[in-house]
C-alpha atoms as a PDB file:
ATOM      1  CA  UNK A   1      53.489  37.056  92.026  1.00  0.00           C
ATOM      2  CA  UNK A   2      53.916  40.183  94.195  1.00  0.00           C
ATOM      3  CA  UNK A   3      57.408  41.504  94.753  1.00  0.00           C
ATOM      4  CA  UNK A   4      58.831  41.777  98.261  1.00  0.00           C
ATOM      5  CA  UNK A   5      58.584  45.582  98.148  1.00  0.00           C
ATOM      6  CA  UNK A   6      54.897  45.450  97.266  1.00  0.00           C
ATOM      7  CA  UNK A   7      54.253  42.955 100.067  1.00  0.00           C
ATOM      8  CA  UNK A   8      55.922  45.334 102.535  1.00  0.00           C
ATOM      9  CA  UNK A   9      53.764  48.209 101.293  1.00  0.00           C
ATOM     10  CA  UNK A  10      50.556  46.156 101.643  1.00  0.00           C
ATOM     11  CA  UNK A  11      51.558  45.028 105.125  1.00  0.00           C
ATOM     12  CA  UNK A  12      52.317  48.593 106.161  1.00  0.00           C
ATOM     13  CA  UNK A  13      48.900  49.819 104.948  1.00  0.00           C
ATOM     14  CA  UNK A  14      47.121  46.999 106.782  1.00  0.00           C
ATOM     15  CA  UNK A  15      48.980  47.868 110.010  1.00  0.00           C
ATOM     16  CA  UNK A  16      47.984  51.514 109.680  1.00  0.00           C
ATOM     17  CA  UNK A  17      44.335  50.607 109.172  1.00  0.00           C
ATOM     18  CA  UNK A  18      44.261  48.197 112.100  1.00  0.00           C
ATOM     19  CA  UNK A  19      46.048  50.588 114.427  1.00  0.00           C
ATOM     20  CA  UNK A  20      43.697  53.453 113.557  1.00  0.00           C
ATOM     21  CA  UNK A  21      40.686  51.216 114.273  1.00  0.00           C
ATOM     22  CA  UNK A  22      41.971  49.792 117.522  1.00  0.00           C
ATOM     23  CA  UNK A  23      43.795  52.662 119.191  1.00  0.00           C
ATOM     24  CA  UNK A  24      41.337  55.508 118.509  1.00  0.00           C
ATOM     25  CA  UNK A  25      42.723  58.976 119.080  1.00  0.00           C
ATOM     26  CA  UNK A  26      46.289  59.697 120.070  1.00  0.00           C
ATOM     27  CA  UNK A  27      47.148  60.277 123.713  1.00  0.00           C
ATOM     28  CA  UNK A  28      47.967  63.930 123.052  1.00  0.00           C
ATOM     29  CA  UNK A  29      44.368  64.485 121.905  1.00  0.00           C
ATOM     30  CA  UNK A  30      43.105  63.804 125.425  1.00  0.00           C
ATOM     31  CA  UNK A  31      42.078  66.775 127.600  1.00  0.00           C
ATOM     32  CA  UNK A  32      41.721  66.724 131.362  1.00  0.00           C
ATOM     33  CA  UNK A  33      40.732  70.162 132.624  1.00  0.00           C
ATOM     34  CA  UNK A  34      38.355  72.490 134.399  1.00  0.00           C
ATOM     35  CA  UNK A  35      36.471  75.439 133.024  1.00  0.00           C
ATOM     36  CA  UNK A  36      33.250  77.399 132.852  1.00  0.00           C
ATOM     37  CA  UNK A  37      30.190  76.821 130.700  1.00  0.00           C
ATOM     38  CA  UNK A  38      29.658  79.802 128.406  1.00  0.00           C
ATOM     39  CA  UNK A  39      26.635  80.618 126.252  1.00  0.00           C
ATOM     40  CA  UNK A  40      27.799  81.857 122.865  1.00  0.00           C
ATOM     41  CA  UNK A  41      25.370  84.121 121.010  1.00  0.00           C
ATOM     42  CA  UNK A  42      24.896  82.748 117.507  1.00  0.00           C
ATOM     43  CA  UNK A  43      21.928  82.228 115.190  1.00  0.00           C
ATOM     44  CA  UNK A  44      21.045  78.945 116.901  1.00  0.00           C
ATOM     45  CA  UNK A  45      22.887  79.501 120.176  1.00  0.00           C
ATOM     46  CA  UNK A  46      25.839  77.476 121.436  1.00  0.00           C
ATOM     47  CA  UNK A  47      27.119  76.318 124.816  1.00  0.00           C
ATOM     48  CA  UNK A  48      30.888  76.044 124.971  1.00  0.00           C
ATOM     49  CA  UNK A  49      33.486  75.707 127.705  1.00  0.00           C
ATOM     50  CA  UNK A  50      36.046  78.400 128.459  1.00  0.00           C
ATOM     51  CA  UNK A  51      38.844  76.340 129.973  1.00  0.00           C
ATOM     52  CA  UNK A  52      40.833  77.464 132.978  1.00  0.00           C
ATOM     53  CA  UNK A  53      43.852  76.923 130.722  1.00  0.00           C
ATOM     54  CA  UNK A  54      42.703  80.000 128.790  1.00  0.00           C
ATOM     55  CA  UNK A  55      41.410  78.057 125.774  1.00  0.00           C
ATOM     56  CA  UNK A  56      37.914  77.671 124.295  1.00  0.00           C
ATOM     57  CA  UNK A  57      36.302  74.269 123.737  1.00  0.00           C
ATOM     58  CA  UNK A  58      33.212  73.443 121.681  1.00  0.00           C
ATOM     59  CA  UNK A  59      31.737  70.141 122.946  1.00  0.00           C
ATOM     60  CA  UNK A  60      29.578  68.105 120.575  1.00  0.00           C
ATOM     61  CA  UNK A  61      27.824  66.279 123.419  1.00  0.00           C
ATOM     62  CA  UNK A  62      27.420  68.641 126.375  1.00  0.00           C
ATOM     63  CA  UNK A  63      24.662  67.226 128.636  1.00  0.00           C
ATOM     64  CA  UNK A  64      21.479  69.300 128.717  1.00  0.00           C
ATOM     65  CA  UNK A  65      21.502  69.613 132.508  1.00  0.00           C
ATOM     66  CA  UNK A  66      24.927  71.298 132.422  1.00  0.00           C
ATOM     67  CA  UNK A  67      23.991  73.937 129.856  1.00  0.00           C
ATOM     68  CA  UNK A  68      24.053  76.775 132.384  1.00  0.00           C
ATOM     69  CA  UNK A  69      26.060  79.904 131.705  1.00  0.00           C
ATOM     70  CA  UNK A  70      28.844  80.379 134.276  1.00  0.00           C
ATOM     71  CA  UNK A  71      28.679  76.829 135.674  1.00  0.00           C
ATOM     72  CA  UNK A  72      32.122  75.564 136.738  1.00  0.00           C
ATOM     73  CA  UNK A  73      32.872  72.024 135.546  1.00  0.00           C
ATOM     74  CA  UNK A  74      35.673  69.490 135.394  1.00  0.00           C
ATOM     75  CA  UNK A  75      35.872  67.243 132.359  1.00  0.00           C
ATOM     76  CA  UNK A  76      37.745  64.631 130.352  1.00  0.00           C
ATOM     77  CA  UNK A  77      37.452  64.865 126.580  1.00  0.00           C
ATOM     78  CA  UNK A  78      38.970  64.048 123.183  1.00  0.00           C
ATOM     79  CA  UNK A  79      39.969  66.688 120.647  1.00  0.00           C
ATOM     80  CA  UNK A  80      38.001  65.948 117.477  1.00  0.00           C
ATOM     81  CA  UNK A  81      39.708  67.807 114.641  1.00  0.00           C
ATOM     82  CA  UNK A  82      37.971  65.397 112.260  1.00  0.00           C
ATOM     83  CA  UNK A  83      34.581  66.953 113.025  1.00  0.00           C
ATOM     84  CA  UNK A  84      33.590  70.244 111.452  1.00  0.00           C
ATOM     85  CA  UNK A  85      31.004  72.763 112.611  1.00  0.00           C
ATOM     86  CA  UNK A  86      29.258  75.627 110.845  1.00  0.00           C
ATOM     87  CA  UNK A  87      30.208  77.727 113.877  1.00  0.00           C
ATOM     88  CA  UNK A  88      33.908  78.376 114.440  1.00  0.00           C
ATOM     89  CA  UNK A  89      34.356  78.775 118.180  1.00  0.00           C
ATOM     90  CA  UNK A  90      37.205  77.054 119.986  1.00  0.00           C
ATOM     91  CA  UNK A  91      38.450  73.495 119.677  1.00  0.00           C
ATOM     92  CA  UNK A  92      35.891  70.794 118.903  1.00  0.00           C
ATOM     93  CA  UNK A  93      35.813  68.105 121.608  1.00  0.00           C
ATOM     94  CA  UNK A  94      33.859  64.971 122.493  1.00  0.00           C
ATOM     95  CA  UNK A  95      33.282  64.757 126.245  1.00  0.00           C
ATOM     96  CA  UNK A  96      34.023  61.461 127.968  1.00  0.00           C
ATOM     97  CA  UNK A  97      33.108  62.521 131.510  1.00  0.00           C
ATOM     98  CA  UNK A  98      31.951  65.854 132.932  1.00  0.00           C
ATOM     99  CA  UNK A  99      30.566  67.032 136.267  1.00  0.00           C
ATOM    100  CA  UNK A 100      30.053  70.180 138.285  1.00  0.00           C
ATOM    101  CA  UNK A 101      33.214  71.367 139.988  1.00  0.00           C
ATOM    102  CA  UNK A 102      33.182  71.474 143.764  1.00  0.00           C
ATOM    103  CA  UNK A 103      34.109  73.303 145.895  1.00  0.00           C
ATOM    104  CA  UNK A 104      33.135  76.703 144.466  1.00  0.00           C
ATOM    105  CA  UNK A 105      36.287  78.496 143.308  1.00  0.00           C
ATOM    106  CA  UNK A 106      36.854  81.768 141.481  1.00  0.00           C
ATOM    107  CA  UNK A 107      38.144  81.579 137.914  1.00  0.00           C
ATOM    108  CA  UNK A 108      41.622  82.923 138.875  1.00  0.00           C
ATOM    109  CA  UNK A 109      41.826  80.265 141.623  1.00  0.00           C
ATOM    110  CA  UNK A 110      40.879  77.536 139.170  1.00  0.00           C
ATOM    111  CA  UNK A 111      43.423  78.765 136.627  1.00  0.00           C
ATOM    112  CA  UNK A 112      46.191  78.861 139.240  1.00  0.00           C
ATOM    113  CA  UNK A 113      45.310  75.397 140.533  1.00  0.00           C
ATOM    114  CA  UNK A 114      45.244  74.081 136.952  1.00  0.00           C
ATOM    115  CA  UNK A 115      48.740  75.383 136.178  1.00  0.00           C
ATOM    116  CA  UNK A 116      50.238  74.417 139.543  1.00  0.00           C
ATOM    117  CA  UNK A 117      48.802  70.889 139.533  1.00  0.00           C
ATOM    118  CA  UNK A 118      50.236  70.307 136.064  1.00  0.00           C
ATOM    119  CA  UNK A 119      53.568  71.554 137.408  1.00  0.00           C
ATOM    120  CA  UNK A 120      53.372  69.113 140.349  1.00  0.00           C
ATOM    121  CA  UNK A 121      52.431  66.324 137.950  1.00  0.00           C
ATOM    122  CA  UNK A 122      55.493  67.066 135.780  1.00  0.00           C
ATOM    123  CA  UNK A 123      57.700  66.837 138.865  1.00  0.00           C
ATOM    124  CA  UNK A 124      56.109  63.576 139.999  1.00  0.00           C
ATOM    125  CA  UNK A 125      56.576  61.971 136.585  1.00  0.00           C
ATOM    126  CA  UNK A 126      59.975  63.613 136.030  1.00  0.00           C
ATOM    127  CA  UNK A 127      58.649  64.906 132.709  1.00  0.00           C
ATOM    128  CA  UNK A 128      60.525  68.002 131.541  1.00  0.00           C
ATOM    129  CA  UNK A 129      58.438  68.294 128.369  1.00  0.00           C
ATOM    130  CA  UNK A 130      55.259  68.469 130.439  1.00  0.00           C
ATOM    131  CA  UNK A 131      56.789  71.080 132.738  1.00  0.00           C
ATOM    132  CA  UNK A 132      57.808  73.275 129.797  1.00  0.00           C
ATOM    133  CA  UNK A 133      54.194  73.358 128.558  1.00  0.00           C
ATOM    134  CA  UNK A 134      53.136  75.257 131.680  1.00  0.00           C
ATOM    135  CA  UNK A 135      56.278  76.901 133.086  1.00  0.00           C
ATOM    136  CA  UNK A 136      58.120  79.313 130.777  1.00  0.00           C
ATOM    137  CA  UNK A 137      61.049  79.464 133.218  1.00  0.00           C
ATOM    138  CA  UNK A 138      61.820  75.838 132.327  1.00  0.00           C
ATOM    139  CA  UNK A 139      62.063  76.587 128.603  1.00  0.00           C
ATOM    140  CA  UNK A 140      65.869  76.411 128.459  1.00  0.00           C
ATOM    141  CA  UNK A 141      66.294  73.792 131.176  1.00  0.00           C
ATOM    142  CA  UNK A 142      68.249  70.728 130.036  1.00  0.00           C
ATOM    143  CA  UNK A 143      67.173  67.207 130.939  1.00  0.00           C
ATOM    144  CA  UNK A 144      70.204  66.843 133.214  1.00  0.00           C
ATOM    145  CA  UNK A 145      69.508  70.141 134.980  1.00  0.00           C
ATOM    146  CA  UNK A 146      65.891  69.104 135.528  1.00  0.00           C
ATOM    147  CA  UNK A 147      66.944  65.707 136.864  1.00  0.00           C
ATOM    148  CA  UNK A 148      69.441  67.304 139.248  1.00  0.00           C
ATOM    149  CA  UNK A 149      66.828  69.831 140.390  1.00  0.00           C
ATOM    150  CA  UNK A 150      64.261  67.281 141.573  1.00  0.00           C
ATOM    151  CA  UNK A 151      66.497  64.246 142.143  1.00  0.00           C
ATOM    152  CA  UNK A 152      66.164  64.345 145.940  1.00  0.00           C
ATOM    153  CA  UNK A 153      62.372  64.629 145.995  1.00  0.00           C
ATOM    154  CA  UNK A 154      59.172  62.835 145.033  1.00  0.00           C
ATOM    155  CA  UNK A 155      55.443  62.912 145.836  1.00  0.00           C
ATOM    156  CA  UNK A 156      54.883  66.616 145.184  1.00  0.00           C
ATOM    157  CA  UNK A 157      51.455  67.577 146.574  1.00  0.00           C
ATOM    158  CA  UNK A 158      49.674  70.907 146.103  1.00  0.00           C
ATOM    159  CA  UNK A 159      48.057  71.889 149.418  1.00  0.00           C
ATOM    160  CA  UNK A 160      46.806  75.470 149.246  1.00  0.00           C
ATOM    161  CA  UNK A 161      46.516  78.409 146.839  1.00  0.00           C
ATOM    162  CA  UNK A 162      45.985  82.098 147.644  1.00  0.00           C
ATOM    163  CA  UNK A 163      45.389  84.754 144.947  1.00  0.00           C
ATOM    164  CA  UNK A 164      46.618  88.293 145.651  1.00  0.00           C
ATOM    165  CA  UNK A 165      46.157  90.170 142.342  1.00  0.00           C
ATOM    166  CA  UNK A 166      44.220  89.658 139.118  1.00  0.00           C
ATOM    167  CA  UNK A 167      43.880  91.565 135.868  1.00  0.00           C
ATOM    168  CA  UNK A 168      42.955  90.315 132.360  1.00  0.00           C
ATOM    169  CA  UNK A 169      46.513  89.134 131.587  1.00  0.00           C
ATOM    170  CA  UNK A 170      48.078  88.480 135.008  1.00  0.00           C
ATOM    171  CA  UNK A 171      47.391  86.412 138.105  1.00  0.00           C
ATOM    172  CA  UNK A 172      49.715  86.613 141.093  1.00  0.00           C
ATOM    173  CA  UNK A 173      49.557  84.714 144.341  1.00  0.00           C
ATOM    174  CA  UNK A 174      51.206  82.048 146.426  1.00  0.00           C
ATOM    175  CA  UNK A 175      50.787  78.338 147.016  1.00  0.00           C
ATOM    176  CA  UNK A 176      51.911  75.763 149.533  1.00  0.00           C
ATOM    177  CA  UNK A 177      53.097  72.351 148.421  1.00  0.00           C
ATOM    178  CA  UNK A 178      54.859  69.453 150.067  1.00  0.00           C
ATOM    179  CA  UNK A 179      57.450  67.054 148.726  1.00  0.00           C
ATOM    180  CA  UNK A 180      59.101  64.019 150.231  1.00  0.00           C
ATOM    181  CA  UNK A 181      62.833  63.436 150.289  1.00  0.00           C
ATOM    182  CA  UNK A 182      63.900  60.304 148.474  1.00  0.00           C
ATOM    183  CA  UNK A 183      66.710  59.772 151.010  1.00  0.00           C
ATOM    184  CA  UNK A 184      64.928  59.325 154.327  1.00  0.00           C
ATOM    185  CA  UNK A 185      68.274  59.002 156.111  1.00  0.00           C
ATOM    186  CA  UNK A 186      68.918  62.741 155.885  1.00  0.00           C
ATOM    187  CA  UNK A 187      68.652  64.934 158.968  1.00  0.00           C
ATOM    188  CA  UNK A 188      65.930  67.040 157.367  1.00  0.00           C
ATOM    189  CA  UNK A 189      62.188  66.696 157.831  1.00  0.00           C
ATOM    190  CA  UNK A 190      61.036  64.056 155.355  1.00  0.00           C
ATOM    191  CA  UNK A 191      57.918  66.061 154.518  1.00  0.00           C
ATOM    192  CA  UNK A 192      59.409  69.218 153.026  1.00  0.00           C
ATOM    193  CA  UNK A 193      57.040  72.215 152.910  1.00  0.00           C
ATOM    194  CA  UNK A 194      57.525  74.973 150.335  1.00  0.00           C
ATOM    195  CA  UNK A 195      55.738  78.249 149.680  1.00  0.00           C
ATOM    196  CA  UNK A 196      55.878  79.370 146.061  1.00  0.00           C
ATOM    197  CA  UNK A 197      55.103  82.980 145.160  1.00  0.00           C
ATOM    198  CA  UNK A 198      54.061  82.976 141.511  1.00  0.00           C
ATOM    199  CA  UNK A 199      52.957  85.061 138.556  1.00  0.00           C
ATOM    200  CA  UNK A 200      50.823  83.597 135.785  1.00  0.00           C
ATOM    201  CA  UNK A 201      50.538  85.360 132.434  1.00  0.00           C
ATOM    202  CA  UNK A 202      48.019  84.988 129.613  1.00  0.00           C
ATOM    203  CA  UNK A 203      49.787  84.035 126.369  1.00  0.00           C
ATOM    204  CA  UNK A 204      48.571  83.088 122.905  1.00  0.00           C
ATOM    205  CA  UNK A 205      48.918  79.445 124.010  1.00  0.00           C
ATOM    206  CA  UNK A 206      46.978  79.886 127.243  1.00  0.00           C
ATOM    207  CA  UNK A 207      48.021  80.674 130.812  1.00  0.00           C
ATOM    208  CA  UNK A 208      51.635  80.003 131.798  1.00  0.00           C
ATOM    209  CA  UNK A 209      53.701  80.337 134.962  1.00  0.00           C
ATOM    210  CA  UNK A 210      56.168  83.092 134.090  1.00  0.00           C
ATOM    211  CA  UNK A 211      57.731  84.018 137.450  1.00  0.00           C
ATOM    212  CA  UNK A 212      58.190  82.174 140.747  1.00  0.00           C
ATOM    213  CA  UNK A 213      60.111  82.451 143.977  1.00  0.00           C
ATOM    214  CA  UNK A 214      60.337  79.822 146.728  1.00  0.00           C
ATOM    215  CA  UNK A 215      60.247  81.040 150.340  1.00  0.00           C
ATOM    216  CA  UNK A 216      59.827  79.499 153.775  1.00  0.00           C
ATOM    217  CA  UNK A 217      56.132  79.067 154.720  1.00  0.00           C
ATOM    218  CA  UNK A 218      54.740  81.074 157.622  1.00  0.00           C
ATOM    219  CA  UNK A 219      52.800  78.111 159.030  1.00  0.00           C
ATOM    220  CA  UNK A 220      53.443  74.497 159.979  1.00  0.00           C
ATOM    221  CA  UNK A 221      51.958  71.687 157.881  1.00  0.00           C
ATOM    222  CA  UNK A 222      49.256  70.959 160.474  1.00  0.00           C
ATOM    223  CA  UNK A 223      47.956  74.522 160.199  1.00  0.00           C
ATOM    224  CA  UNK A 224      48.161  74.485 156.410  1.00  0.00           C
ATOM    225  CA  UNK A 225      46.140  71.255 156.224  1.00  0.00           C
ATOM    226  CA  UNK A 226      43.553  72.732 158.570  1.00  0.00           C
ATOM    227  CA  UNK A 227      43.151  75.834 156.378  1.00  0.00           C
ATOM    228  CA  UNK A 228      42.999  73.733 153.212  1.00  0.00           C
ATOM    229  CA  UNK A 229      40.275  71.463 154.570  1.00  0.00           C
ATOM    230  CA  UNK A 230      38.204  74.466 155.608  1.00  0.00           C
ATOM    231  CA  UNK A 231      38.537  76.097 152.175  1.00  0.00           C
ATOM    232  CA  UNK A 232      38.500  73.100 149.809  1.00  0.00           C
ATOM    233  CA  UNK A 233      37.261  70.147 151.859  1.00  0.00           C
ATOM    234  CA  UNK A 234      40.626  68.478 151.245  1.00  0.00           C
ATOM    235  CA  UNK A 235      44.331  69.142 151.825  1.00  0.00           C
ATOM    236  CA  UNK A 236      45.349  67.567 148.494  1.00  0.00           C
ATOM    237  CA  UNK A 237      44.131  69.740 145.630  1.00  0.00           C
ATOM    238  CA  UNK A 238      44.687  66.971 143.090  1.00  0.00           C
ATOM    239  CA  UNK A 239      41.585  65.298 144.575  1.00  0.00           C
ATOM    240  CA  UNK A 240      39.285  68.031 143.212  1.00  0.00           C
ATOM    241  CA  UNK A 241      40.734  67.630 139.718  1.00  0.00           C
ATOM    242  CA  UNK A 242      39.093  65.566 136.912  1.00  0.00           C
ATOM    243  CA  UNK A 243      39.011  61.821 137.581  1.00  0.00           C
END
């Protein structure tokens, strides 16, 4: 007859097996990003994706019709560290969904939108850990400080991005975003508009927001929405992001 300890061990192994079969890959292995198809010169040739996050991805199932050097795409994928390739180039991924990115944006614009949308998403979900992945200024921010910082606001929406300077390791520009006050009884406009002047820097872990300064926007929200719709076809930049 099996001892109680052995029964616990058997049960634990069974749970691990079942969970690995049913849950698939961990949530942190999921990628949701934009990037550019890149032809990599090798013996047999390879099409990879240079992500707007500054990282390289090697898809195992890139559709034939999207194998065009320089094509901008948005994609959802799983990191597949369990698969090995004879060619070492970037992180191996299995694509779930992928499509051409519209509207046409420059790579610095896409990188800035990528970082800023992730920043907005961290605010909306009140997720300090997520914010610290993309904003180095938040590195030493405590949970309480972060909570106090955004406590009066929700529904952060990125509206417009303008790039002013680019070099291989730096992108500077400004963006417009809106946020709603949680207390609608205040005397302030419920739809708060902010202009953020920012600097992005290339690091060993990809692009990060390293400097920022909030200032009063030069235009009213109506004008900003008009400009955004002309440039992007939308005034909510999250709508052009991967679905």
